[in-house]
Amino acid sequence: MFRQMTVSATALALAAGMATAAPDTITLGMVLEPPNLDPTAGAAAAIDEVVYANVFEGLTRFAPDGSIRPALAASWAVSPDGRVYTFALRQGVQFHDGTAFDAEDAKFTLERARADTSGNAQKALFAGIETVEAPDPATLRVTLTAPDGAFAEKMAWGDAVIVAPESAATLATRPIGTGPFAFAQWVQGDHVSLTAFPGYWGEKPELARATFRFIADPTAAFAAMMAGDVDAFPNYPAPETLAILGADPRFRVIVGTTEGETILALNNARPPLNDIRVRAAIAHALNRAEIIEGAMFGHGTPIGTHFPPHNPDYLDLTALSAHDPERARALLAEAGVSGLKLRLALPPPTYARRGGEIVAAQLRAVGIETQITNLEWAQWLETVFKGRDFDLTIVSHTEPADLNIYARPDYYFQYARPEFVALIAQLEATVDPAARRAILHQAQEMIARDHVNGFLFQLAKTGVADARLQGLWENAPTPANDLTAVRWTD
C-alpha cells in the first residue's frame, strides 16, 4: 500500500512539473561540471557541452549530421594549390559585451591559439598555419605551410571558436562570444545559466533561458527526470533505466552515435607497457561484449581501432584484438612478465567507473592485477592527461576526426611512432577523398596492430527528454548541447 501511494505521489509531482514547464525555458542535466567555460583553454568535453554553438561560434561549425556549415564565415574559398583559405566574414555581428566582430578578432583568435604560450588543448589544429592576415574587416586570409583538406573542419572545433582580445583573459569564468545565448550565471557545483542574446546576428532561438544542472550520480539523474527537475538529459548516465523512461509516454528516449572512442589507454612509454607483447596481452584479455553489456547495458559498438564505426572510412579491425585469454597469458610469458600489477586510474563517467571494474576482473583472469584509483575530472586532467602519471585509464575521446592524436609525441599515452607521424603528415597534405581513405586505413591498422591502447567501444549517445521538446541532437558529431533549434511543442 505504501509503495502504491508513493508511486502515485511521484506521478502527480511529475505531471505537475511538466504542466508548469515554461515554453521558453529549459533545464538540461549534465554528468560533469566543466572545469572552466573557455573552450580555447581546456580539454574537458563538458565545456563544449555548455558553450558550443550557444555562447561561442567559430568560422565554421558542425551541423547535427556532422557536416561542416558556415558560421561566422559566410563562405570561404581555397586557392588552387590548397594552401590559402580566404574567409568572407559576416557583417553586423556583435559580441555579448557590445563590441563588434571583424577580421581582426578572427586573426587574434588564430594567432593566440597557435602562439608558443598558447594553452589551447588542441594546439595541433593550428600547427599548419603559416600566416594569418586581415586585409579588411570582412576578410580573413589564412596561408598554410602545406595543403590541408581538413582545415575548414578544424575551424569547426570548439577549440577554434572566435574570441575577442577585450575579453579573452576572463573567458574561463565570464565567457563572451557571438552566439545566440549569453552567459548569465555559474553557481559552481550546481548549474550554469544562459539567456538569449537580443543582439544575435542570426536566427533568434525560441528559448529565452537555458540552465545546465550538474548531476553526476546515475540514481540522482533518474530521480531528477522523474521529478521533472530537468527537462532533458542529453547524455544520460543511467542506461539501465532507459527502458523505464522509454515506456512512459511523457518521455522520449534518444539513442544516437558519438565521436567518442572509449579506450583502455596505456602509457606506452612506461615499462613493461613499452613492450608490444604486453600491450597485445592486455588487448586479448579484454572482452568487449562483456564490457558493453556490463557498463553500458548493451549501448555501444565494439571498435578495434581509434575510429568511429559510422564513418565511411572506418576499418573493422576488432579481430586483431579478439578476446583470447590463453593468447594473453602466452604473450605475457613470452615477454617474461609475471606477477604484473598496474595502476588503473578512473575518471568520473559511468562508462569508466563501471567499465573499470569489469576490465580489472578480465585482466586478473590472465594474471594482471590492477590498483584502481577513482579520480575527479580535474585530478584526471592534471595527473593523467597532463602529467602522464598512470599505467592504465579508461576514457572516451569525443573529439571529431582525432586519429592524429597518436602522432603527438607529448600526448598522454606517448606513442608517436615515426611511421605513424609520417602517415598523418601525408594525410593532412592530401585533398583527394580516395587517397585520404587509403591513408586513413593504413593509420587505423598501424595503431591496431601496435596495440597502442585497448580499443573498447564507440560511446553511444543515450539521452532522454520531455516528449514535447524538439530540436535536441540525436547524434554528437562534436561534444555539444546545441540549443539553437530547440523548442517546445504542444
Protein backbone atom coordinates (compact mmCIF):
# COMPACT_ATOMS: atom_id res chain seq x y z
CA MET A 1 0.00 0.00 0.00
CA PHE A 2 2.81 2.41 0.93
CA ARG A 3 4.57 1.63 -2.37
CA GLN A 4 1.40 2.35 -4.37
CA MET A 5 0.87 5.67 -2.63
CA THR A 6 4.48 6.66 -3.25
CA VAL A 7 4.25 5.88 -6.95
CA SER A 8 1.01 7.86 -7.25
CA ALA A 9 2.55 10.84 -5.48
CA THR A 10 5.56 10.72 -7.79
CA ALA A 11 3.31 10.59 -10.85
CA LEU A 12 1.33 13.60 -9.62
CA ALA A 13 4.52 15.53 -8.93
CA LEU A 14 5.84 14.64 -12.38
CA ALA A 15 2.62 15.69 -14.08
CA ALA A 16 2.62 18.97 -12.16
CA GLY A 17 6.26 19.62 -13.03
CA MET A 18 5.64 19.06 -16.72
CA ALA A 19 2.45 21.09 -16.74
CA THR A 20 4.20 24.15 -15.34
CA ALA A 21 7.28 23.96 -17.60
CA ALA A 22 7.69 27.36 -19.24
CA PRO A 23 7.56 27.22 -23.05
CA ASP A 24 10.65 29.37 -23.46
CA THR A 25 12.98 27.92 -20.79
CA ILE A 26 14.78 24.62 -20.49
CA THR A 27 16.79 22.79 -17.84
CA LEU A 28 19.26 20.20 -19.06
CA GLY A 29 21.10 17.64 -16.96
CA MET A 30 24.82 17.08 -17.37
CA VAL A 31 27.01 14.47 -15.69
CA LEU A 32 30.15 16.57 -15.39
CA GLU A 33 30.62 20.18 -14.42
CA PRO A 34 33.08 21.96 -16.72
CA PRO A 35 36.34 23.00 -15.02
CA ASN A 36 36.03 26.37 -16.75
CA LEU A 37 33.98 27.92 -19.55
CA ASP A 38 36.74 28.74 -22.04
CA PRO A 39 36.77 26.13 -24.83
CA THR A 40 40.01 27.58 -26.19
CA ALA A 41 41.89 26.79 -22.97
CA GLY A 42 40.53 23.49 -21.70
CA ALA A 43 40.36 19.85 -22.77
CA ALA A 44 37.16 18.84 -20.96
CA ALA A 45 34.24 17.97 -23.24
CA ALA A 46 31.88 19.40 -20.62
CA ILE A 47 33.00 22.92 -21.60
CA ASP A 48 31.76 22.50 -25.17
CA GLU A 49 28.60 20.79 -23.92
CA VAL A 50 27.61 24.13 -22.41
CA VAL A 51 29.05 26.76 -24.75
CA TYR A 52 29.48 25.27 -28.26
CA ALA A 53 27.11 26.97 -30.74
CA ASN A 54 25.32 28.54 -27.78
CA VAL A 55 27.78 31.11 -26.41
CA PHE A 56 30.67 30.78 -28.87
CA GLU A 57 30.88 30.39 -32.63
CA GLY A 58 33.73 29.59 -34.98
CA LEU A 59 34.43 30.44 -38.57
CA THR A 60 32.66 27.17 -39.39
CA ARG A 61 30.58 24.78 -37.33
CA PHE A 62 29.44 21.17 -37.12
CA ALA A 63 25.87 20.53 -38.14
CA PRO A 64 23.86 17.82 -36.32
CA ASP A 65 24.67 15.36 -39.12
CA GLY A 66 28.41 16.04 -38.84
CA SER A 67 28.70 18.13 -41.98
CA ILE A 68 30.56 21.44 -41.95
CA ARG A 69 28.47 24.58 -42.29
CA PRO A 70 29.25 28.29 -42.39
CA ALA A 71 29.19 30.14 -39.07
CA LEU A 72 30.96 33.47 -38.62
CA ALA A 73 32.41 32.89 -42.06
CA ALA A 74 29.53 33.17 -44.53
CA SER A 75 31.67 31.42 -47.14
CA TRP A 76 35.27 30.56 -47.98
CA ALA A 77 37.43 29.89 -50.99
CA VAL A 78 40.54 27.72 -51.33
CA SER A 79 43.43 28.54 -53.63
CA PRO A 80 44.27 26.07 -56.43
CA ASP A 81 47.35 24.84 -54.52
CA GLY A 82 45.24 24.17 -51.40
CA ARG A 83 47.34 26.42 -49.19
CA VAL A 84 45.33 29.65 -48.92
CA TYR A 85 41.88 29.82 -47.32
CA THR A 86 40.03 33.11 -47.76
CA PHE A 87 37.04 33.52 -45.45
CA ALA A 88 34.28 36.04 -46.17
CA LEU A 89 33.09 37.07 -42.70
CA ARG A 90 29.58 38.04 -41.70
CA GLN A 91 28.90 41.70 -41.09
CA GLY A 92 26.92 43.29 -38.29
CA VAL A 93 27.97 40.67 -35.72
CA GLN A 94 28.37 41.68 -32.08
CA PHE A 95 29.98 40.07 -29.08
CA HIS A 96 27.81 39.84 -25.97
CA ASP A 97 29.61 42.82 -24.41
CA GLY A 98 28.57 45.01 -27.33
CA THR A 99 31.91 45.11 -29.14
CA ALA A 100 31.84 44.49 -32.90
CA PHE A 101 33.25 41.36 -34.51
CA ASP A 102 35.54 41.72 -37.51
CA ALA A 103 38.53 40.09 -39.17
CA GLU A 104 40.93 41.39 -36.52
CA ASP A 105 39.12 39.29 -33.89
CA ALA A 106 39.44 36.19 -36.07
CA LYS A 107 43.12 36.92 -36.64
CA PHE A 108 43.66 37.45 -32.91
CA THR A 109 41.96 34.13 -32.16
CA LEU A 110 44.11 32.08 -34.52
CA GLU A 111 47.34 33.82 -33.53
CA ARG A 112 46.53 33.30 -29.85
CA ALA A 113 45.74 29.62 -30.39
CA ARG A 114 48.99 28.87 -32.23
CA ALA A 115 51.33 31.01 -30.12
CA ASP A 116 54.16 29.39 -28.18
CA THR A 117 52.43 30.41 -24.96
CA SER A 118 49.04 29.02 -26.04
CA GLY A 119 47.10 26.94 -23.55
CA ASN A 120 44.83 25.53 -26.25
CA ALA A 121 44.25 21.81 -25.67
CA GLN A 122 44.14 21.18 -29.43
CA LYS A 123 47.04 23.35 -30.49
CA ALA A 124 47.79 20.88 -33.28
CA LEU A 125 44.71 22.19 -35.12
CA PHE A 126 46.60 25.39 -35.81
CA ALA A 127 50.11 23.98 -36.34
CA GLY A 128 49.82 24.10 -40.14
CA ILE A 129 49.14 27.85 -40.24
CA GLU A 130 51.95 29.91 -41.79
CA THR A 131 50.37 33.37 -41.71
CA VAL A 132 47.06 35.00 -40.80
CA GLU A 133 46.00 38.26 -42.47
CA ALA A 134 43.03 40.59 -42.15
CA PRO A 135 43.17 42.65 -45.37
CA ASP A 136 39.85 44.29 -44.48
CA PRO A 137 37.24 43.95 -41.71
CA ALA A 138 35.19 41.42 -43.70
CA THR A 139 38.02 39.19 -44.94
CA LEU A 140 40.35 36.72 -43.24
CA ARG A 141 43.15 35.10 -45.22
CA VAL A 142 44.95 32.07 -43.79
CA THR A 143 48.02 30.72 -45.53
CA LEU A 144 49.08 27.18 -44.62
CA THR A 145 52.53 25.64 -44.76
CA ALA A 146 51.08 22.78 -46.84
CA PRO A 147 47.70 21.88 -48.37
CA ASP A 148 45.18 20.73 -45.78
CA GLY A 149 41.89 19.31 -46.99
CA ALA A 150 40.52 19.26 -43.45
CA PHE A 151 41.22 22.87 -42.49
CA ALA A 152 37.58 24.03 -42.71
CA GLU A 153 36.65 21.12 -40.45
CA LYS A 154 39.39 22.03 -37.96
CA MET A 155 37.95 25.52 -37.72
CA ALA A 156 34.63 23.98 -36.60
CA TRP A 157 36.09 22.53 -33.41
CA GLY A 158 35.18 24.12 -30.09
CA ASP A 159 38.86 24.87 -29.58
CA ALA A 160 38.74 27.19 -32.61
CA VAL A 161 35.80 29.41 -31.65
CA ILE A 162 36.31 33.14 -32.16
CA VAL A 163 37.09 35.29 -29.13
CA ALA A 164 37.87 38.98 -28.73
CA PRO A 165 41.08 40.45 -27.27
CA GLU A 166 38.99 42.63 -24.94
CA SER A 167 37.55 39.60 -23.10
CA ALA A 168 39.99 36.74 -23.78
CA ALA A 169 41.67 36.91 -20.36
CA THR A 170 38.47 36.25 -18.40
CA LEU A 171 36.66 33.70 -20.57
CA ALA A 172 37.16 30.91 -18.03
CA THR A 173 34.64 32.46 -15.65
CA ARG A 174 32.89 35.04 -17.85
CA PRO A 175 32.58 33.67 -21.37
CA ILE A 176 31.78 36.28 -24.02
CA GLY A 177 31.13 35.12 -27.56
CA THR A 178 28.93 35.94 -30.54
CA GLY A 179 26.41 33.13 -30.13
CA PRO A 180 22.62 33.22 -29.66
CA PHE A 181 22.95 32.83 -25.89
CA ALA A 182 24.91 34.96 -23.41
CA PHE A 183 26.37 33.75 -20.14
CA ALA A 184 24.18 34.66 -17.16
CA GLN A 185 25.32 32.77 -14.05
CA TRP A 186 27.55 29.98 -12.78
CA VAL A 187 26.75 28.54 -9.36
CA GLN A 188 29.68 26.18 -9.01
CA GLY A 189 28.72 22.68 -8.03
CA ASP A 190 25.15 23.21 -9.20
CA HIS A 191 24.44 24.91 -12.54
CA VAL A 192 25.28 27.32 -15.36
CA SER A 193 22.57 29.55 -16.84
CA LEU A 194 22.42 31.24 -20.24
CA THR A 195 19.99 33.81 -21.58
CA ALA A 196 19.04 34.60 -25.17
CA PHE A 197 21.19 37.39 -26.62
CA PRO A 198 18.92 40.06 -28.14
CA GLY A 199 21.66 41.34 -30.45
CA TYR A 200 22.34 37.99 -32.11
CA TRP A 201 23.16 38.34 -35.82
CA GLY A 202 21.35 35.17 -36.97
CA GLU A 203 18.02 33.49 -36.47
CA LYS A 204 16.88 34.08 -32.90
CA PRO A 205 16.42 31.00 -30.69
CA GLU A 206 12.96 30.16 -29.39
CA LEU A 207 14.32 29.63 -25.86
CA ALA A 208 14.75 32.65 -23.61
CA ARG A 209 16.77 30.89 -20.92
CA ALA A 210 18.68 27.64 -20.51
CA THR A 211 20.05 26.09 -17.34
CA PHE A 212 22.61 23.27 -17.25
CA ARG A 213 22.37 21.32 -13.98
CA PHE A 214 25.25 19.07 -12.93
CA ILE A 215 24.11 15.65 -11.68
CA ALA A 216 26.89 13.08 -11.62
CA ASP A 217 25.12 10.24 -9.80
CA PRO A 218 23.08 7.94 -12.09
CA THR A 219 20.40 7.37 -9.43
CA ALA A 220 20.05 11.10 -8.89
CA ALA A 221 19.82 11.63 -12.65
CA PHE A 222 16.90 9.20 -12.87
CA ALA A 223 15.19 10.85 -9.90
CA ALA A 224 15.66 14.31 -11.45
CA MET A 225 13.98 13.19 -14.67
CA MET A 226 11.13 11.51 -12.86
CA ALA A 227 10.57 14.53 -10.63
CA GLY A 228 10.59 16.96 -13.55
CA ASP A 229 13.62 18.79 -12.14
CA VAL A 230 15.28 18.58 -15.56
CA ASP A 231 13.59 18.68 -18.95
CA ALA A 232 16.24 16.66 -20.76
CA PHE A 233 19.41 14.72 -20.10
CA PRO A 234 21.15 14.59 -23.50
CA ASN A 235 23.93 12.29 -22.24
CA TYR A 236 22.01 10.23 -19.71
CA PRO A 237 24.28 8.39 -17.24
CA ALA A 238 21.90 5.58 -16.19
CA PRO A 239 21.32 3.37 -19.25
CA GLU A 240 19.81 0.70 -17.00
CA THR A 241 16.73 2.89 -16.53
CA LEU A 242 16.24 3.94 -20.16
CA ALA A 243 13.64 1.20 -20.67
CA ILE A 244 11.58 2.57 -17.78
CA LEU A 245 11.68 6.10 -19.17
CA GLY A 246 11.06 4.92 -22.71
CA ALA A 247 7.88 3.15 -21.62
CA ASP A 248 6.48 6.40 -20.22
CA PRO A 249 4.74 8.48 -22.92
CA ARG A 250 5.82 11.66 -21.19
CA PHE A 251 9.43 10.98 -22.17
CA ARG A 252 11.32 10.37 -25.38
CA VAL A 253 14.48 8.27 -25.36
CA ILE A 254 17.03 9.48 -27.90
CA VAL A 255 19.75 6.99 -28.88
CA GLY A 256 22.38 8.02 -31.40
CA THR A 257 26.10 7.91 -32.03
CA THR A 258 29.01 9.99 -30.81
CA GLU A 259 32.59 10.59 -31.87
CA GLY A 260 33.60 9.03 -28.55
CA GLU A 261 36.11 6.22 -28.94
CA THR A 262 36.15 4.63 -25.49
CA ILE A 263 39.57 3.14 -24.82
CA LEU A 264 41.64 1.50 -22.14
CA ALA A 265 44.55 3.90 -22.59
CA LEU A 266 48.04 2.56 -21.95
CA ASN A 267 51.16 4.51 -21.04
CA ASN A 268 53.29 3.30 -23.95
CA ALA A 269 56.46 4.86 -22.53
CA ARG A 270 56.37 3.02 -19.20
CA PRO A 271 57.84 -0.50 -18.82
CA PRO A 272 56.55 -3.11 -19.34
CA LEU A 273 53.83 -1.37 -21.40
CA ASN A 274 56.52 -0.27 -23.85
CA ASP A 275 56.67 -3.97 -24.89
CA ILE A 276 54.19 -4.69 -27.69
CA ARG A 277 53.70 -8.23 -26.35
CA VAL A 278 52.44 -6.91 -23.02
CA ARG A 279 50.13 -4.45 -24.76
CA ALA A 280 48.84 -7.25 -27.00
CA ALA A 281 48.26 -9.44 -23.95
CA ILE A 282 46.13 -6.72 -22.39
CA ALA A 283 44.18 -6.30 -25.64
CA HIS A 284 43.43 -10.03 -25.86
CA ALA A 285 42.37 -10.13 -22.21
CA LEU A 286 39.53 -7.71 -22.90
CA ASN A 287 36.03 -8.95 -23.64
CA ARG A 288 34.33 -6.03 -25.37
CA ALA A 289 30.85 -7.58 -25.35
CA GLU A 290 31.03 -8.11 -21.61
CA ILE A 291 32.21 -4.55 -21.02
CA ILE A 292 29.49 -3.02 -23.23
CA GLU A 293 26.78 -5.08 -21.56
CA GLY A 294 28.03 -4.59 -18.00
CA ALA A 295 28.99 -0.91 -18.17
CA MET A 296 26.55 0.41 -20.79
CA PHE A 297 23.68 -2.11 -20.67
CA GLY A 298 24.28 -3.01 -24.28
CA HIS A 299 24.60 0.52 -25.65
CA GLY A 300 27.86 0.80 -27.60
CA THR A 301 29.56 -0.50 -30.74
CA PRO A 302 32.77 -2.59 -30.48
CA ILE A 303 35.83 -0.99 -32.06
CA GLY A 304 39.25 -2.36 -32.90
CA THR A 305 40.97 0.94 -33.60
CA HIS A 306 40.55 4.64 -32.85
CA PHE A 307 37.91 5.50 -35.43
CA PRO A 308 34.10 5.77 -35.34
CA PRO A 309 32.20 2.90 -36.99
CA HIS A 310 29.64 5.29 -38.50
CA ASN A 311 32.37 7.00 -40.53
CA PRO A 312 32.54 5.72 -44.14
CA ASP A 313 36.34 5.43 -43.81
CA TYR A 314 36.13 3.08 -40.79
CA LEU A 315 38.01 -0.20 -40.99
CA ASP A 316 36.74 -3.05 -38.78
CA LEU A 317 39.85 -4.38 -37.05
CA THR A 318 38.26 -5.93 -33.96
CA ALA A 319 39.58 -9.37 -34.97
CA LEU A 320 43.16 -8.19 -34.36
CA SER A 321 42.42 -7.92 -30.64
CA ALA A 322 39.78 -10.60 -30.20
CA HIS A 323 39.11 -11.87 -26.68
CA ASP A 324 41.62 -14.69 -26.20
CA PRO A 325 42.79 -15.22 -22.57
CA GLU A 326 45.08 -18.11 -23.50
CA ARG A 327 46.85 -15.96 -26.07
CA ALA A 328 47.14 -13.18 -23.49
CA ARG A 329 48.80 -15.48 -20.95
CA ALA A 330 51.16 -16.86 -23.62
CA LEU A 331 52.23 -13.34 -24.65
CA LEU A 332 52.97 -12.38 -21.05
CA ALA A 333 55.08 -15.50 -20.64
CA GLU A 334 56.89 -14.75 -23.89
CA ALA A 335 57.65 -11.26 -22.60
CA GLY A 336 58.97 -12.72 -19.32
CA VAL A 337 56.35 -10.87 -17.30
CA SER A 338 54.72 -12.43 -14.24
CA GLY A 339 53.02 -11.02 -11.17
CA LEU A 340 52.33 -7.77 -13.02
CA LYS A 341 50.42 -5.10 -11.11
CA LEU A 342 49.30 -1.95 -12.88
CA ARG A 343 47.58 1.24 -11.72
CA LEU A 344 44.17 1.87 -13.24
CA ALA A 345 43.01 5.49 -12.98
CA LEU A 346 39.29 6.03 -13.48
CA PRO A 347 37.65 9.43 -14.14
CA PRO A 348 34.02 10.01 -13.03
CA PRO A 349 31.92 8.98 -16.07
CA THR A 350 29.79 5.90 -15.62
CA TYR A 351 31.43 4.07 -18.52
CA ALA A 352 34.81 4.46 -16.80
CA ARG A 353 33.84 3.57 -13.23
CA ARG A 354 31.63 0.62 -14.18
CA GLY A 355 33.85 -0.45 -17.05
CA GLY A 356 36.94 -0.27 -14.88
CA GLU A 357 35.69 -2.94 -12.50
CA ILE A 358 34.96 -5.27 -15.42
CA VAL A 359 38.33 -4.59 -17.06
CA ALA A 360 40.11 -5.25 -13.76
CA ALA A 361 38.42 -8.66 -13.49
CA GLN A 362 39.30 -9.53 -17.09
CA LEU A 363 42.95 -8.59 -16.57
CA ARG A 364 43.05 -10.56 -13.31
CA ALA A 365 41.91 -13.63 -15.25
CA VAL A 366 45.15 -13.57 -17.28
CA GLY A 367 47.43 -12.77 -14.34
CA ILE A 368 47.49 -8.96 -14.28
CA GLU A 369 46.41 -7.27 -11.06
CA THR A 370 45.25 -3.67 -11.00
CA GLN A 371 45.16 -1.00 -8.33
CA ILE A 372 42.09 1.12 -9.03
CA THR A 373 42.09 4.81 -8.18
CA ASN A 374 38.94 6.88 -8.73
CA LEU A 375 39.80 10.43 -9.78
CA GLU A 376 37.68 13.52 -10.09
CA TRP A 377 37.81 15.10 -13.53
CA ALA A 378 40.21 17.89 -12.56
CA GLN A 379 42.54 15.32 -10.96
CA TRP A 380 42.42 13.14 -14.06
CA LEU A 381 43.28 16.07 -16.33
CA GLU A 382 46.19 17.11 -14.12
CA THR A 383 47.63 13.69 -13.25
CA VAL A 384 46.88 11.55 -16.30
CA PHE A 385 46.31 13.86 -19.26
CA LYS A 386 48.89 16.50 -18.41
CA GLY A 387 51.22 14.67 -16.00
CA ARG A 388 51.22 11.27 -17.79
CA ASP A 389 51.50 9.67 -14.35
CA PHE A 390 49.48 6.49 -14.93
CA ASP A 391 49.65 2.94 -16.26
CA LEU A 392 46.08 2.42 -17.45
CA THR A 393 42.99 4.59 -17.66
CA ILE A 394 39.58 4.43 -19.30
CA VAL A 395 38.32 7.47 -21.17
CA SER A 396 36.16 8.32 -24.14
CA HIS A 397 37.78 10.60 -26.73
CA THR A 398 34.84 12.62 -28.03
CA GLU A 399 36.71 14.99 -30.35
CA PRO A 400 35.89 14.53 -34.05
CA ALA A 401 38.49 13.26 -36.51
CA ASP A 402 41.08 12.85 -33.75
CA LEU A 403 43.17 9.97 -35.11
CA ASN A 404 46.05 12.45 -35.32
CA ILE A 405 46.47 12.50 -31.53
CA TYR A 406 48.50 9.29 -31.95
CA ALA A 407 51.11 11.34 -33.83
CA ARG A 408 51.71 13.77 -30.97
CA PRO A 409 54.91 12.96 -29.07
CA ASP A 410 53.74 14.66 -25.88
CA TYR A 411 50.26 13.11 -25.86
CA TYR A 412 49.41 11.29 -22.66
CA PHE A 413 49.64 7.70 -23.95
CA GLN A 414 53.00 8.54 -25.57
CA TYR A 415 53.02 6.61 -28.84
CA ALA A 416 54.08 8.81 -31.80
CA ARG A 417 55.72 6.05 -33.86
CA PRO A 418 57.67 7.88 -36.60
CA GLU A 419 55.95 5.94 -39.39
CA PHE A 420 52.57 6.93 -37.99
CA VAL A 421 53.63 10.58 -37.69
CA ALA A 422 54.60 10.45 -41.37
CA LEU A 423 51.24 8.96 -42.31
CA ILE A 424 49.36 11.75 -40.55
CA ALA A 425 51.55 14.38 -42.22
CA GLN A 426 50.73 12.75 -45.56
CA LEU A 427 47.02 12.71 -44.70
CA GLU A 428 46.97 16.40 -43.83
CA ALA A 429 48.57 17.28 -47.17
CA THR A 430 46.11 15.16 -49.15
CA VAL A 431 42.85 16.53 -50.56
CA ASP A 432 41.62 13.67 -52.79
CA PRO A 433 38.96 11.66 -50.86
CA ALA A 434 40.05 8.27 -52.20
CA ALA A 435 43.70 8.93 -51.32
CA ARG A 436 42.71 10.15 -47.85
CA ARG A 437 40.66 6.99 -47.33
CA ALA A 438 43.65 4.78 -48.17
CA ILE A 439 45.88 6.67 -45.73
CA LEU A 440 43.24 6.53 -43.00
CA HIS A 441 43.04 2.76 -43.43
CA GLN A 442 46.79 2.44 -43.07
CA ALA A 443 46.79 4.59 -39.96
CA GLN A 444 43.93 2.70 -38.34
CA GLU A 445 45.65 -0.61 -38.99
CA MET A 446 49.01 0.55 -37.66
CA ILE A 447 47.73 1.53 -34.21
CA ALA A 448 45.55 -1.58 -34.08
CA ARG A 449 48.50 -3.89 -34.82
CA ASP A 450 50.70 -1.99 -32.36
CA HIS A 451 48.00 -2.39 -29.68
CA VAL A 452 48.68 1.19 -28.63
CA ASN A 453 45.57 1.10 -26.44
CA GLY A 454 42.81 -1.33 -25.60
CA PHE A 455 40.08 -0.30 -28.04
CA LEU A 456 36.74 -0.96 -26.33
CA PHE A 457 33.64 0.60 -27.90
CA GLN A 458 32.18 3.64 -29.60
CA LEU A 459 30.21 5.54 -26.99
CA ALA A 460 26.51 5.70 -27.76
CA LYS A 461 24.64 8.93 -27.22
CA THR A 462 21.86 7.84 -24.89
CA GLY A 463 19.59 10.70 -23.97
CA VAL A 464 16.14 11.26 -22.56
CA ALA A 465 13.88 14.29 -22.89
CA ASP A 466 10.41 15.59 -22.25
CA ALA A 467 8.40 14.31 -25.20
CA ARG A 468 7.34 17.85 -26.05
CA LEU A 469 10.90 19.00 -26.69
CA GLN A 470 12.12 19.12 -30.27
CA GLY A 471 15.49 20.02 -31.79
CA LEU A 472 17.94 18.25 -29.49
CA TRP A 473 20.78 16.50 -31.29
CA GLU A 474 20.33 12.76 -31.76
CA ASN A 475 23.96 12.18 -32.68
CA ALA A 476 27.02 14.01 -31.40
CA PRO A 477 29.49 14.86 -34.19
CA THR A 478 31.20 17.01 -31.54
CA PRO A 479 30.55 17.47 -27.81
CA ALA A 480 27.65 19.92 -27.70
CA ASN A 481 24.19 20.61 -26.36
CA ASP A 482 23.31 22.90 -29.25
CA LEU A 483 20.13 24.79 -28.30
CA THR A 484 19.78 26.88 -31.45
CA ALA A 485 16.93 24.76 -32.85
CA VAL A 486 15.40 23.54 -29.57
CA ARG A 487 11.77 24.39 -28.96
CA TRP A 488 8.71 23.23 -27.04
CA THR A 489 5.72 21.78 -28.88
CA ASP A 490 2.16 21.36 -27.68
